[in-house]
Amino acid sequence: MNWIKIIVAAIFEVCWVVGLAHSDVWYEWLLTCISVSISFYLLLNASKYLPVGTSYAVFVGLGATLVTIADVVFFNQPLSMLKILLMSTLIIGVIGLKLATPEEAK
């Protein structure tokens, strides 16, 4: 369940990163602030039960990958083979960290 919180936190990270770049009116800024709050709340909550370093690495790795995908899909940024290679490497590293980290119940 805590890994799901990390994944959802990474999805909200995409929302606030996009919001920081594209918000123009007050309600968009409000949604950005709410996304930041939810994202870090979930990360901090999950980090109480998971190793902090691994939690943060998974959060940032997934967030960076998802932001890059959002840039390509929604904002017509070019997708190069280098970006695909780097995102693949990042995802492999995140999966490796998750598999190498035992989940300890508190």
PDB file of N, CA and C in Angstrom:
ATOM      1  N   MET A   1       0.828  -1.204   0.000  1.00  0.00           N
ATOM      2  CA  MET A   1       0.000   0.000   0.000  1.00  0.00           C
ATOM      3  C   MET A   1       0.868   1.262   0.000  1.00  0.00           C
ATOM      4  N   ASN A   2       1.992   1.223   0.709  1.00  0.00           N
ATOM      5  CA  ASN A   2       2.847   2.407   0.768  1.00  0.00           C
ATOM      6  C   ASN A   2       3.519   2.696  -0.567  1.00  0.00           C
ATOM      7  N   TRP A   3       3.813   1.644  -1.340  1.00  0.00           N
ATOM      8  CA  TRP A   3       4.377   1.887  -2.671  1.00  0.00           C
ATOM      9  C   TRP A   3       3.335   2.533  -3.583  1.00  0.00           C
ATOM     10  N   ILE A   4       2.083   2.194  -3.388  1.00  0.00           N
ATOM     11  CA  ILE A   4       1.011   2.839  -4.171  1.00  0.00           C
ATOM     12  C   ILE A   4       0.952   4.329  -3.831  1.00  0.00           C
ATOM     13  N   LYS A   5       1.149   4.672  -2.562  1.00  0.00           N
ATOM     14  CA  LYS A   5       1.190   6.083  -2.165  1.00  0.00           C
ATOM     15  C   LYS A   5       2.317   6.814  -2.887  1.00  0.00           C
ATOM     16  N   ILE A   6       3.462   6.158  -3.030  1.00  0.00           N
ATOM     17  CA  ILE A   6       4.594   6.771  -3.733  1.00  0.00           C
ATOM     18  C   ILE A   6       4.233   7.005  -5.198  1.00  0.00           C
ATOM     19  N   ILE A   7       3.590   6.029  -5.828  1.00  0.00           N
ATOM     20  CA  ILE A   7       3.199   6.168  -7.235  1.00  0.00           C
ATOM     21  C   ILE A   7       2.189   7.302  -7.407  1.00  0.00           C
ATOM     22  N   VAL A   8       1.194   7.360  -6.532  1.00  0.00           N
ATOM     23  CA  VAL A   8       0.191   8.443  -6.606  1.00  0.00           C
ATOM     24  C   VAL A   8       0.859   9.792  -6.336  1.00  0.00           C
ATOM     25  N   ALA A   9       1.805   9.831  -5.409  1.00  0.00           N
ATOM     26  CA  ALA A   9       2.542  11.068  -5.126  1.00  0.00           C
ATOM     27  C   ALA A   9       3.301  11.524  -6.370  1.00  0.00           C
ATOM     28  N   ALA A  10       3.876  10.581  -7.109  1.00  0.00           N
ATOM     29  CA  ALA A  10       4.596  10.927  -8.339  1.00  0.00           C
ATOM     30  C   ALA A  10       3.644  11.475  -9.399  1.00  0.00           C
ATOM     31  N   ILE A  11       2.438  10.947  -9.449  1.00  0.00           N
ATOM     32  CA  ILE A  11       1.446  11.465 -10.402  1.00  0.00           C
ATOM     33  C   ILE A  11       1.069  12.904 -10.036  1.00  0.00           C
ATOM     34  N   PHE A  12       0.888  13.162  -8.742  1.00  0.00           N
ATOM     35  CA  PHE A  12       0.608  14.539  -8.330  1.00  0.00           C
ATOM     36  C   PHE A  12       1.819  15.442  -8.549  1.00  0.00           C
ATOM     37  N   GLU A  13       3.024  14.861  -8.505  1.00  0.00           N
ATOM     38  CA  GLU A  13       4.216  15.651  -8.815  1.00  0.00           C
ATOM     39  C   GLU A  13       4.152  16.173 -10.246  1.00  0.00           C
ATOM     40  N   VAL A  14       3.684  15.339 -11.159  1.00  0.00           N
ATOM     41  CA  VAL A  14       3.521  15.772 -12.552  1.00  0.00           C
ATOM     42  C   VAL A  14       2.562  16.954 -12.617  1.00  0.00           C
ATOM     43  N   CYS A  15       1.475  16.867 -11.872  1.00  0.00           N
ATOM     44  CA  CYS A  15       0.477  17.953 -11.870  1.00  0.00           C
ATOM     45  C   CYS A  15       1.090  19.267 -11.416  1.00  0.00           C
ATOM     46  N   TRP A  16       1.871  19.238 -10.325  1.00  0.00           N
ATOM     47  CA  TRP A  16       2.390  20.519  -9.839  1.00  0.00           C
ATOM     48  C   TRP A  16       3.556  21.015 -10.671  1.00  0.00           C
ATOM     49  N   VAL A  17       4.337  20.125 -11.261  1.00  0.00           N
ATOM     50  CA  VAL A  17       5.420  20.590 -12.135  1.00  0.00           C
ATOM     51  C   VAL A  17       4.831  21.259 -13.378  1.00  0.00           C
ATOM     52  N   VAL A  18       3.827  20.639 -13.973  1.00  0.00           N
ATOM     53  CA  VAL A  18       3.159  21.241 -15.123  1.00  0.00           C
ATOM     54  C   VAL A  18       2.478  22.538 -14.699  1.00  0.00           C
ATOM     55  N   GLY A  19       1.876  22.544 -13.516  1.00  0.00           N
ATOM     56  CA  GLY A  19       1.226  23.750 -13.009  1.00  0.00           C
ATOM     57  C   GLY A  19       2.203  24.900 -12.828  1.00  0.00           C
ATOM     58  N   LEU A  20       3.409  24.600 -12.319  1.00  0.00           N
ATOM     59  CA  LEU A  20       4.409  25.662 -12.157  1.00  0.00           C
ATOM     60  C   LEU A  20       4.778  26.296 -13.485  1.00  0.00           C
ATOM     61  N   ALA A  21       4.804  25.500 -14.526  1.00  0.00           N
ATOM     62  CA  ALA A  21       5.213  26.006 -15.836  1.00  0.00           C
ATOM     63  C   ALA A  21       4.075  26.694 -16.593  1.00  0.00           C
ATOM     64  N   HIS A  22       2.827  26.279 -16.337  1.00  0.00           N
ATOM     65  CA  HIS A  22       1.743  26.725 -17.215  1.00  0.00           C
ATOM     66  C   HIS A  22       0.584  27.435 -16.516  1.00  0.00           C
ATOM     67  N   SER A  23       0.635  27.635 -15.214  1.00  0.00           N
ATOM     68  CA  SER A  23      -0.469  28.308 -14.530  1.00  0.00           C
ATOM     69  C   SER A  23      -0.475  29.795 -14.837  1.00  0.00           C
ATOM     70  N   ASP A  24      -1.671  30.299 -15.122  1.00  0.00           N
ATOM     71  CA  ASP A  24      -1.824  31.718 -15.449  1.00  0.00           C
ATOM     72  C   ASP A  24      -2.819  32.435 -14.543  1.00  0.00           C
ATOM     73  N   VAL A  25      -3.823  31.729 -14.082  1.00  0.00           N
ATOM     74  CA  VAL A  25      -4.867  32.357 -13.275  1.00  0.00           C
ATOM     75  C   VAL A  25      -4.868  31.749 -11.873  1.00  0.00           C
ATOM     76  N   TRP A  26      -5.557  32.407 -10.950  1.00  0.00           N
ATOM     77  CA  TRP A  26      -5.478  32.043  -9.544  1.00  0.00           C
ATOM     78  C   TRP A  26      -5.898  30.610  -9.253  1.00  0.00           C
ATOM     79  N   TYR A  27      -6.938  30.116  -9.937  1.00  0.00           N
ATOM     80  CA  TYR A  27      -7.404  28.768  -9.630  1.00  0.00           C
ATOM     81  C   TYR A  27      -6.438  27.702 -10.145  1.00  0.00           C
ATOM     82  N   GLU A  28      -5.698  28.013 -11.211  1.00  0.00           N
ATOM     83  CA  GLU A  28      -4.656  27.082 -11.652  1.00  0.00           C
ATOM     84  C   GLU A  28      -3.520  27.036 -10.623  1.00  0.00           C
ATOM     85  N   TRP A  29      -3.192  28.200 -10.056  1.00  0.00           N
ATOM     86  CA  TRP A  29      -2.174  28.236  -9.008  1.00  0.00           C
ATOM     87  C   TRP A  29      -2.663  27.514  -7.763  1.00  0.00           C
ATOM     88  N   LEU A  30      -3.938  27.636  -7.463  1.00  0.00           N
ATOM     89  CA  LEU A  30      -4.509  26.927  -6.319  1.00  0.00           C
ATOM     90  C   LEU A  30      -4.405  25.420  -6.512  1.00  0.00           C
ATOM     91  N   LEU A  31      -4.754  24.942  -7.712  1.00  0.00           N
ATOM     92  CA  LEU A  31      -4.634  23.513  -8.005  1.00  0.00           C
ATOM     93  C   LEU A  31      -3.175  23.045  -7.931  1.00  0.00           C
ATOM     94  N   THR A  32      -2.266  23.904  -8.357  1.00  0.00           N
ATOM     95  CA  THR A  32      -0.838  23.584  -8.262  1.00  0.00           C
ATOM     96  C   THR A  32      -0.424  23.439  -6.806  1.00  0.00           C
ATOM     97  N   CYS A  33      -0.856  24.357  -5.963  1.00  0.00           N
ATOM     98  CA  CYS A  33      -0.529  24.287  -4.533  1.00  0.00           C
ATOM     99  C   CYS A  33      -1.134  23.053  -3.876  1.00  0.00           C
ATOM    100  N   ILE A  34      -2.346  22.718  -4.251  1.00  0.00           N
ATOM    101  CA  ILE A  34      -2.994  21.519  -3.720  1.00  0.00           C
ATOM    102  C   ILE A  34      -2.227  20.271  -4.169  1.00  0.00           C
ATOM    103  N   SER A  35      -1.796  20.259  -5.413  1.00  0.00           N
ATOM    104  CA  SER A  35      -1.024  19.119  -5.930  1.00  0.00           C
ATOM    105  C   SER A  35       0.299  18.956  -5.194  1.00  0.00           C
ATOM    106  N   VAL A  36       0.977  20.069  -4.905  1.00  0.00           N
ATOM    107  CA  VAL A  36       2.223  20.013  -4.130  1.00  0.00           C
ATOM    108  C   VAL A  36       1.947  19.409  -2.762  1.00  0.00           C
ATOM    109  N   SER A  37       0.895  19.877  -2.121  1.00  0.00           N
ATOM    110  CA  SER A  37       0.561  19.400  -0.775  1.00  0.00           C
ATOM    111  C   SER A  37       0.249  17.909  -0.756  1.00  0.00           C
ATOM    112  N   ILE A  38      -0.570  17.469  -1.689  1.00  0.00           N
ATOM    113  CA  ILE A  38      -0.930  16.054  -1.747  1.00  0.00           C
ATOM    114  C   ILE A  38       0.296  15.206  -2.059  1.00  0.00           C
ATOM    115  N   SER A  39       1.092  15.655  -3.012  1.00  0.00           N
ATOM    116  CA  SER A  39       2.278  14.916  -3.418  1.00  0.00           C
ATOM    117  C   SER A  39       3.228  14.688  -2.249  1.00  0.00           C
ATOM    118  N   PHE A  40       3.566  15.759  -1.543  1.00  0.00           N
ATOM    119  CA  PHE A  40       4.509  15.615  -0.435  1.00  0.00           C
ATOM    120  C   PHE A  40       3.884  14.949   0.781  1.00  0.00           C
ATOM    121  N   TYR A  41       2.588  15.119   0.995  1.00  0.00           N
ATOM    122  CA  TYR A  41       1.924  14.413   2.093  1.00  0.00           C
ATOM    123  C   TYR A  41       2.031  12.900   1.885  1.00  0.00           C
ATOM    124  N   LEU A  42       1.714  12.451   0.674  1.00  0.00           N
ATOM    125  CA  LEU A  42       1.784  11.020   0.389  1.00  0.00           C
ATOM    126  C   LEU A  42       3.207  10.494   0.489  1.00  0.00           C
ATOM    127  N   LEU A  43       4.172  11.270  -0.024  1.00  0.00           N
ATOM    128  CA  LEU A  43       5.575  10.859   0.065  1.00  0.00           C
ATOM    129  C   LEU A  43       6.014  10.733   1.521  1.00  0.00           C
ATOM    130  N   LEU A  44       5.719  11.745   2.323  1.00  0.00           N
ATOM    131  CA  LEU A  44       6.119  11.713   3.733  1.00  0.00           C
ATOM    132  C   LEU A  44       5.410  10.610   4.501  1.00  0.00           C
ATOM    133  N   ASN A  45       4.140  10.403   4.204  1.00  0.00           N
ATOM    134  CA  ASN A  45       3.387   9.358   4.879  1.00  0.00           C
ATOM    135  C   ASN A  45       3.944   7.980   4.549  1.00  0.00           C
ATOM    136  N   ALA A  46       4.230   7.724   3.290  1.00  0.00           N
ATOM    137  CA  ALA A  46       4.782   6.424   2.898  1.00  0.00           C
ATOM    138  C   ALA A  46       6.191   6.234   3.443  1.00  0.00           C
ATOM    139  N   SER A  47       6.943   7.323   3.563  1.00  0.00           N
ATOM    140  CA  SER A  47       8.328   7.237   4.054  1.00  0.00           C
ATOM    141  C   SER A  47       8.412   6.880   5.529  1.00  0.00           C
ATOM    142  N   LYS A  48       7.300   6.959   6.241  1.00  0.00           N
ATOM    143  CA  LYS A  48       7.288   6.501   7.633  1.00  0.00           C
ATOM    144  C   LYS A  48       7.444   4.989   7.711  1.00  0.00           C
ATOM    145  N   TYR A  49       7.051   4.299   6.654  1.00  0.00           N
ATOM    146  CA  TYR A  49       7.031   2.840   6.661  1.00  0.00           C
ATOM    147  C   TYR A  49       8.017   2.211   5.680  1.00  0.00           C
ATOM    148  N   LEU A  50       8.584   3.012   4.796  1.00  0.00           N
ATOM    149  CA  LEU A  50       9.544   2.529   3.806  1.00  0.00           C
ATOM    150  C   LEU A  50      10.867   3.250   4.007  1.00  0.00           C
ATOM    151  N   PRO A  51      11.953   2.691   3.525  1.00  0.00           N
ATOM    152  CA  PRO A  51      13.234   3.395   3.613  1.00  0.00           C
ATOM    153  C   PRO A  51      13.163   4.735   2.868  1.00  0.00           C
ATOM    154  N   VAL A  52      13.594   5.781   3.531  1.00  0.00           N
ATOM    155  CA  VAL A  52      13.436   7.132   2.992  1.00  0.00           C
ATOM    156  C   VAL A  52      14.185   7.303   1.667  1.00  0.00           C
ATOM    157  N   GLY A  53      15.408   6.824   1.599  1.00  0.00           N
ATOM    158  CA  GLY A  53      16.203   6.990   0.379  1.00  0.00           C
ATOM    159  C   GLY A  53      15.561   6.326  -0.821  1.00  0.00           C
ATOM    160  N   THR A  54      15.087   5.118  -0.629  1.00  0.00           N
ATOM    161  CA  THR A  54      14.443   4.403  -1.731  1.00  0.00           C
ATOM    162  C   THR A  54      13.118   5.053  -2.095  1.00  0.00           C
ATOM    163  N   SER A  55      12.353   5.453  -1.100  1.00  0.00           N
ATOM    164  CA  SER A  55      11.068   6.121  -1.368  1.00  0.00           C
ATOM    165  C   SER A  55      11.276   7.375  -2.208  1.00  0.00           C
ATOM    166  N   TYR A  56      12.249   8.175  -1.806  1.00  0.00           N
ATOM    167  CA  TYR A  56      12.499   9.425  -2.517  1.00  0.00           C
ATOM    168  C   TYR A  56      13.029   9.160  -3.921  1.00  0.00           C
ATOM    169  N   ALA A  57      13.900   8.172  -4.069  1.00  0.00           N
ATOM    170  CA  ALA A  57      14.434   7.846  -5.395  1.00  0.00           C
ATOM    171  C   ALA A  57      13.321   7.385  -6.333  1.00  0.00           C
ATOM    172  N   VAL A  58      12.423   6.554  -5.842  1.00  0.00           N
ATOM    173  CA  VAL A  58      11.305   6.091  -6.665  1.00  0.00           C
ATOM    174  C   VAL A  58      10.390   7.264  -7.010  1.00  0.00           C
ATOM    175  N   PHE A  59      10.095   8.100  -6.033  1.00  0.00           N
ATOM    176  CA  PHE A  59       9.252   9.281  -6.236  1.00  0.00           C
ATOM    177  C   PHE A  59       9.833  10.191  -7.318  1.00  0.00           C
ATOM    178  N   VAL A  60      11.096  10.521  -7.194  1.00  0.00           N
ATOM    179  CA  VAL A  60      11.727  11.445  -8.147  1.00  0.00           C
ATOM    180  C   VAL A  60      11.884  10.789  -9.521  1.00  0.00           C
ATOM    181  N   GLY A  61      12.278   9.513  -9.530  1.00  0.00           N
ATOM    182  CA  GLY A  61      12.466   8.821 -10.805  1.00  0.00           C
ATOM    183  C   GLY A  61      11.176   8.703 -11.596  1.00  0.00           C
ATOM    184  N   LEU A  62      10.114   8.284 -10.922  1.00  0.00           N
ATOM    185  CA  LEU A  62       8.820   8.196 -11.594  1.00  0.00           C
ATOM    186  C   LEU A  62       8.317   9.571 -12.003  1.00  0.00           C
ATOM    187  N   GLY A  63       8.485  10.539 -11.123  1.00  0.00           N
ATOM    188  CA  GLY A  63       8.039  11.895 -11.437  1.00  0.00           C
ATOM    189  C   GLY A  63       8.752  12.461 -12.657  1.00  0.00           C
ATOM    190  N   ALA A  64      10.053  12.304 -12.712  1.00  0.00           N
ATOM    191  CA  ALA A  64      10.823  12.817 -13.855  1.00  0.00           C
ATOM    192  C   ALA A  64      10.414  12.126 -15.149  1.00  0.00           C
ATOM    193  N   THR A  65      10.233  10.823 -15.083  1.00  0.00           N
ATOM    194  CA  THR A  65       9.808  10.084 -16.273  1.00  0.00           C
ATOM    195  C   THR A  65       8.423  10.518 -16.727  1.00  0.00           C
ATOM    196  N   LEU A  66       7.498  10.622 -15.786  1.00  0.00           N
ATOM    197  CA  LEU A  66       6.129  11.016 -16.133  1.00  0.00           C
ATOM    198  C   LEU A  66       6.053  12.459 -16.633  1.00  0.00           C
ATOM    199  N   VAL A  67       6.864  13.348 -16.091  1.00  0.00           N
ATOM    200  CA  VAL A  67       6.880  14.738 -16.574  1.00  0.00           C
ATOM    201  C   VAL A  67       7.391  14.775 -18.003  1.00  0.00           C
ATOM    202  N   THR A  68       8.417  13.994 -18.312  1.00  0.00           N
ATOM    203  CA  THR A  68       8.931  13.948 -19.677  1.00  0.00           C
ATOM    204  C   THR A  68       7.874  13.415 -20.638  1.00  0.00           C
ATOM    205  N   ILE A  69       7.166  12.367 -20.217  1.00  0.00           N
ATOM    206  CA  ILE A  69       6.091  11.822 -21.050  1.00  0.00           C
ATOM    207  C   ILE A  69       4.979  12.854 -21.241  1.00  0.00           C
ATOM    208  N   ALA A  70       4.617  13.562 -20.172  1.00  0.00           N
ATOM    209  CA  ALA A  70       3.583  14.609 -20.283  1.00  0.00           C
ATOM    210  C   ALA A  70       4.026  15.708 -21.235  1.00  0.00           C
ATOM    211  N   ASP A  71       5.297  16.091 -21.191  1.00  0.00           N
ATOM    212  CA  ASP A  71       5.812  17.103 -22.130  1.00  0.00           C
ATOM    213  C   ASP A  71       5.637  16.656 -23.575  1.00  0.00           C
ATOM    214  N   VAL A  72       5.933  15.406 -23.835  1.00  0.00           N
ATOM    215  CA  VAL A  72       5.826  14.890 -25.201  1.00  0.00           C
ATOM    216  C   VAL A  72       4.369  14.800 -25.639  1.00  0.00           C
ATOM    217  N   VAL A  73       3.518  14.254 -24.773  1.00  0.00           N
ATOM    218  CA  VAL A  73       2.120  14.005 -25.126  1.00  0.00           C
ATOM    219  C   VAL A  73       1.293  15.287 -25.186  1.00  0.00           C
ATOM    220  N   PHE A  74       1.432  16.152 -24.179  1.00  0.00           N
ATOM    221  CA  PHE A  74       0.543  17.303 -24.076  1.00  0.00           C
ATOM    222  C   PHE A  74       1.122  18.610 -24.609  1.00  0.00           C
ATOM    223  N   PHE A  75       2.442  18.717 -24.669  1.00  0.00           N
ATOM    224  CA  PHE A  75       3.062  19.990 -25.041  1.00  0.00           C
ATOM    225  C   PHE A  75       3.953  19.879 -26.276  1.00  0.00           C
ATOM    226  N   ASN A  76       3.798  18.769 -27.016  1.00  0.00           N
ATOM    227  CA  ASN A  76       4.454  18.573 -28.305  1.00  0.00           C
ATOM    228  C   ASN A  76       5.968  18.748 -28.265  1.00  0.00           C
ATOM    229  N   GLN A  77       6.591  18.338 -27.182  1.00  0.00           N
ATOM    230  CA  GLN A  77       8.051  18.358 -27.113  1.00  0.00           C
ATOM    231  C   GLN A  77       8.585  17.174 -27.929  1.00  0.00           C
ATOM    232  N   PRO A  78       9.732  17.337 -28.555  1.00  0.00           N
ATOM    233  CA  PRO A  78      10.270  16.232 -29.360  1.00  0.00           C
ATOM    234  C   PRO A  78      10.726  15.070 -28.477  1.00  0.00           C
ATOM    235  N   LEU A  79      10.544  13.866 -28.986  1.00  0.00           N
ATOM    236  CA  LEU A  79      10.973  12.660 -28.288  1.00  0.00           C
ATOM    237  C   LEU A  79      12.112  12.037 -29.086  1.00  0.00           C
ATOM    238  N   SER A  80      13.277  12.022 -28.494  1.00  0.00           N
ATOM    239  CA  SER A  80      14.446  11.471 -29.175  1.00  0.00           C
ATOM    240  C   SER A  80      14.775  10.092 -28.611  1.00  0.00           C
ATOM    241  N   MET A  81      15.616   9.381 -29.337  1.00  0.00           N
ATOM    242  CA  MET A  81      16.068   8.075 -28.865  1.00  0.00           C
ATOM    243  C   MET A  81      16.855   8.219 -27.561  1.00  0.00           C
ATOM    244  N   LEU A  82      17.577   9.319 -27.421  1.00  0.00           N
ATOM    245  CA  LEU A  82      18.332   9.552 -26.193  1.00  0.00           C
ATOM    246  C   LEU A  82      17.391   9.693 -24.993  1.00  0.00           C
ATOM    247  N   LYS A  83      16.276  10.428 -25.163  1.00  0.00           N
ATOM    248  CA  LYS A  83      15.299  10.553 -24.079  1.00  0.00           C
ATOM    249  C   LYS A  83      14.707   9.198 -23.720  1.00  0.00           C
ATOM    250  N   ILE A  84      14.400   8.408 -24.727  1.00  0.00           N
ATOM    251  CA  ILE A  84      13.836   7.079 -24.483  1.00  0.00           C
ATOM    252  C   ILE A  84      14.841   6.215 -23.736  1.00  0.00           C
ATOM    253  N   LEU A  85      16.106   6.256 -24.146  1.00  0.00           N
ATOM    254  CA  LEU A  85      17.152   5.478 -23.483  1.00  0.00           C
ATOM    255  C   LEU A  85      17.318   5.913 -22.028  1.00  0.00           C
ATOM    256  N   LEU A  86      17.350   7.218 -21.796  1.00  0.00           N
ATOM    257  CA  LEU A  86      17.541   7.716 -20.433  1.00  0.00           C
ATOM    258  C   LEU A  86      16.337   7.416 -19.539  1.00  0.00           C
ATOM    259  N   MET A  87      15.128   7.556 -20.081  1.00  0.00           N
ATOM    260  CA  MET A  87      13.941   7.213 -19.291  1.00  0.00           C
ATOM    261  C   MET A  87      13.915   5.720 -18.983  1.00  0.00           C
ATOM    262  N   SER A  88      14.299   4.901 -19.940  1.00  0.00           N
ATOM    263  CA  SER A  88      14.346   3.453 -19.711  1.00  0.00           C
ATOM    264  C   SER A  88      15.350   3.113 -18.625  1.00  0.00           C
ATOM    265  N   THR A  89      16.507   3.746 -18.678  1.00  0.00           N
ATOM    266  CA  THR A  89      17.528   3.525 -17.654  1.00  0.00           C
ATOM    267  C   THR A  89      17.006   3.939 -16.282  1.00  0.00           C
ATOM    268  N   LEU A  90      16.331   5.073 -16.232  1.00  0.00           N
ATOM    269  CA  LEU A  90      15.767   5.561 -14.974  1.00  0.00           C
ATOM    270  C   LEU A  90      14.723   4.599 -14.421  1.00  0.00           C
ATOM    271  N   ILE A  91      13.848   4.118 -15.284  1.00  0.00           N
ATOM    272  CA  ILE A  91      12.797   3.191 -14.856  1.00  0.00           C
ATOM    273  C   ILE A  91      13.407   1.873 -14.376  1.00  0.00           C
ATOM    274  N   ILE A  92      14.412   1.378 -15.083  1.00  0.00           N
ATOM    275  CA  ILE A  92      15.086   0.146 -14.657  1.00  0.00           C
ATOM    276  C   ILE A  92      15.721   0.345 -13.282  1.00  0.00           C
ATOM    277  N   GLY A  93      16.334   1.502 -13.065  1.00  0.00           N
ATOM    278  CA  GLY A  93      16.922   1.801 -11.764  1.00  0.00           C
ATOM    279  C   GLY A  93      15.886   1.881 -10.662  1.00  0.00           C
ATOM    280  N   VAL A  94      14.761   2.499 -10.943  1.00  0.00           N
ATOM    281  CA  VAL A  94      13.682   2.618  -9.943  1.00  0.00           C
ATOM    282  C   VAL A  94      13.128   1.238  -9.603  1.00  0.00           C
ATOM    283  N   ILE A  95      12.889   0.410 -10.624  1.00  0.00           N
ATOM    284  CA  ILE A  95      12.384  -0.942 -10.379  1.00  0.00           C
ATOM    285  C   ILE A  95      13.413  -1.744  -9.581  1.00  0.00           C
ATOM    286  N   GLY A  96      14.681  -1.602  -9.937  1.00  0.00           N
ATOM    287  CA  GLY A  96      15.737  -2.295  -9.203  1.00  0.00           C
ATOM    288  C   GLY A  96      15.791  -1.890  -7.744  1.00  0.00           C
ATOM    289  N   LEU A  97      15.673  -0.595  -7.471  1.00  0.00           N
ATOM    290  CA  LEU A  97      15.659  -0.127  -6.080  1.00  0.00           C
ATOM    291  C   LEU A  97      14.472  -0.691  -5.315  1.00  0.00           C
ATOM    292  N   LYS A  98      13.338  -0.705  -5.960  1.00  0.00           N
ATOM    293  CA  LYS A  98      12.134  -1.214  -5.302  1.00  0.00           C
ATOM    294  C   LYS A  98      12.288  -2.692  -4.997  1.00  0.00           C
ATOM    295  N   LEU A  99      12.812  -3.463  -5.942  1.00  0.00           N
ATOM    296  CA  LEU A  99      12.979  -4.902  -5.735  1.00  0.00           C
ATOM    297  C   LEU A  99      14.060  -5.224  -4.707  1.00  0.00           C
ATOM    298  N   ALA A 100      15.062  -4.360  -4.614  1.00  0.00           N
ATOM    299  CA  ALA A 100      16.169  -4.599  -3.687  1.00  0.00           C
ATOM    300  C   ALA A 100      15.875  -4.127  -2.272  1.00  0.00           C
ATOM    301  N   THR A 101      14.757  -3.446  -2.086  1.00  0.00           N
ATOM    302  CA  THR A 101      14.415  -2.891  -0.773  1.00  0.00           C
ATOM    303  C   THR A 101      13.343  -3.739  -0.124  1.00  0.00           C
ATOM    304  N   PRO A 102      13.676  -4.356   1.003  1.00  0.00           N
ATOM    305  CA  PRO A 102      12.647  -5.144   1.702  1.00  0.00           C
ATOM    306  C   PRO A 102      11.626  -4.216   2.355  1.00  0.00           C
ATOM    307  N   GLU A 103      10.377  -4.604   2.271  1.00  0.00           N
ATOM    308  CA  GLU A 103       9.326  -3.813   2.916  1.00  0.00           C
ATOM    309  C   GLU A 103       9.169  -4.310   4.340  1.00  0.00           C
ATOM    310  N   GLU A 104       9.426  -3.406   5.261  1.00  0.00           N
ATOM    311  CA  GLU A 104       9.352  -3.764   6.671  1.00  0.00           C
ATOM    312  C   GLU A 104       8.091  -3.173   7.283  1.00  0.00           C
ATOM    313  N   ALA A 105       7.349  -3.976   7.981  1.00  0.00           N
ATOM    314  CA  ALA A 105       6.145  -3.495   8.634  1.00  0.00           C
ATOM    315  C   ALA A 105       6.537  -2.892   9.988  1.00  0.00           C
ATOM    316  N   LYS A 106       5.953  -1.751  10.301  1.00  0.00           N
ATOM    317  CA  LYS A 106       6.199  -1.105  11.608  1.00  0.00           C
ATOM    318  C   LYS A 106       4.972  -1.216  12.464  1.00  0.00           C
TER     319      LYS A 106
END
